[in-house]
């Protein structure tokens, strides 16, 4: 994938995690700001994976809390953008390699 597409994905993830939040201490953006800055300037795969999992889990909890399922669907960009950036950065290749290592160690 081109560097332009990667940059667009990085900006998309940044926008998902860097936004004012209600609640919490005044002026304290919390971990979202750290994730946003890391993804924008140095996208570390572990941070992207944690961001995707956290956003997916928090979106998935909403229907269980009594909100409509469309609320989960409407929040798909919050977890899909970090997941897409992970795929662009080669997570699938790493997972395939890890799977081969685990398979070799378990069965041989």
Protein backbone atom coordinates (compact mmCIF):
# COMPACT_ATOMS: atom_id res chain seq x y z
CA UNK A 1 0.00 0.00 0.00
CA UNK A 2 1.23 3.48 -0.74
CA UNK A 3 2.55 5.83 1.88
CA UNK A 4 -0.32 8.20 1.07
CA UNK A 5 -2.88 5.59 2.05
CA UNK A 6 -0.93 4.80 5.21
CA UNK A 7 -0.84 8.49 6.11
CA UNK A 8 -4.58 8.80 5.53
CA UNK A 9 -5.20 5.83 7.83
CA UNK A 10 -2.90 7.30 10.48
CA UNK A 11 -4.78 10.58 10.37
CA UNK A 12 -8.09 8.70 10.57
CA UNK A 13 -6.99 6.82 13.68
CA UNK A 14 -5.68 10.07 15.16
CA UNK A 15 -9.06 11.72 14.63
CA UNK A 16 -10.87 8.81 16.26
CA UNK A 17 -8.81 8.98 19.43
CA UNK A 18 -8.06 12.71 19.65
CA UNK A 19 -11.33 14.40 20.46
CA UNK A 20 -12.79 16.12 23.49
CA UNK A 21 -14.46 13.74 25.91
CA UNK A 22 -17.13 14.44 28.49
CA UNK A 23 -16.36 13.41 32.03
CA UNK A 24 -13.07 12.82 33.74
CA UNK A 25 -10.90 15.53 35.20
CA UNK A 26 -11.04 18.86 33.41
CA UNK A 27 -8.26 19.20 30.88
CA UNK A 28 -7.16 15.57 31.24
CA UNK A 29 -7.41 13.84 27.86
CA UNK A 30 -6.09 10.56 29.25
CA UNK A 31 -4.81 7.60 27.32
CA UNK A 32 -6.72 8.50 24.16
CA UNK A 33 -4.37 11.43 23.57
CA UNK A 34 -1.31 9.22 24.01
CA UNK A 35 -2.69 6.65 21.55
CA UNK A 36 -3.58 9.40 19.07
CA UNK A 37 -0.10 10.93 19.17
CA UNK A 38 1.68 7.57 18.96
CA UNK A 39 -0.37 6.48 15.97
CA UNK A 40 0.16 9.76 14.19
CA UNK A 41 3.90 10.04 14.71
CA UNK A 42 5.09 6.46 15.36
CA UNK A 43 2.46 3.78 14.70
CA UNK A 44 3.56 0.88 16.90
CA UNK A 45 1.75 -2.37 16.10
CA UNK A 46 1.01 -3.19 19.74
CA UNK A 47 -0.58 0.23 20.27
CA UNK A 48 -2.66 -0.22 17.11
CA UNK A 49 -3.80 -3.66 18.24
CA UNK A 50 -4.74 -2.37 21.70
CA UNK A 51 -6.57 0.59 20.16
CA UNK A 52 -8.54 -1.65 17.80
CA UNK A 53 -9.45 -4.13 20.54
CA UNK A 54 -10.39 -1.41 23.04
CA UNK A 55 -12.55 0.45 20.52
CA UNK A 56 -14.23 -2.78 19.39
CA UNK A 57 -14.95 -3.85 22.97
CA UNK A 58 -16.38 -0.49 24.00
CA UNK A 59 -18.55 -0.36 20.87
CA UNK A 60 -19.73 -3.93 21.44
CA UNK A 61 -20.75 -3.23 25.04
CA UNK A 62 -23.22 -0.53 24.01
CA UNK A 63 -25.91 -2.89 22.62
CA UNK A 64 -25.62 -4.99 25.78
CA UNK A 65 -26.24 -1.83 27.80
CA UNK A 66 -29.58 -1.38 26.08
CA UNK A 67 -28.63 0.88 23.18
CA UNK A 68 -29.64 -0.06 19.63
CA UNK A 69 -27.32 -2.30 17.61
CA UNK A 70 -26.91 0.54 15.11
CA UNK A 71 -24.87 2.37 17.74
CA UNK A 72 -22.30 -0.43 17.44
CA UNK A 73 -22.45 -0.26 13.65
CA UNK A 74 -22.04 3.51 13.74
CA UNK A 75 -18.83 3.18 15.71
CA UNK A 76 -17.16 0.84 13.25
CA UNK A 77 -14.61 3.44 12.17
CA UNK A 78 -13.30 3.65 15.73
CA UNK A 79 -12.00 0.08 15.56
CA UNK A 80 -11.80 -0.48 11.80
CA UNK A 81 -9.28 2.31 11.16
CA UNK A 82 -6.65 0.96 13.60
CA UNK A 83 -7.31 -2.56 12.31
CA UNK A 84 -6.84 -1.43 8.69
CA UNK A 85 -3.61 0.34 9.60
CA UNK A 86 -2.44 -2.83 11.34
CA UNK A 87 -3.10 -4.82 8.18
CA UNK A 88 -1.25 -2.26 6.09
CA UNK A 89 1.72 -2.45 8.43
CA UNK A 90 1.94 -6.22 7.99
CA UNK A 91 0.14 -7.75 10.95
CA UNK A 92 -1.26 -10.59 8.84
CA UNK A 93 2.24 -11.60 7.80
CA UNK A 94 3.46 -11.52 11.39
CA UNK A 95 0.49 -13.55 12.63
CA UNK A 96 1.04 -16.12 9.91
CA UNK A 97 4.67 -16.41 10.94
CA UNK A 98 3.70 -16.69 14.60
CA UNK A 99 1.15 -19.37 13.73
CA UNK A 100 3.82 -21.35 11.89
CA UNK A 101 6.15 -21.10 14.90
CA UNK A 102 3.44 -22.21 17.32
CA UNK A 103 2.43 -25.07 14.99
CA UNK A 104 6.03 -26.23 14.65
CA UNK A 105 6.59 -26.14 18.42
CA UNK A 106 3.34 -27.89 19.30
CA UNK A 107 3.38 -30.71 16.81
CA UNK A 108 7.08 -31.46 16.28
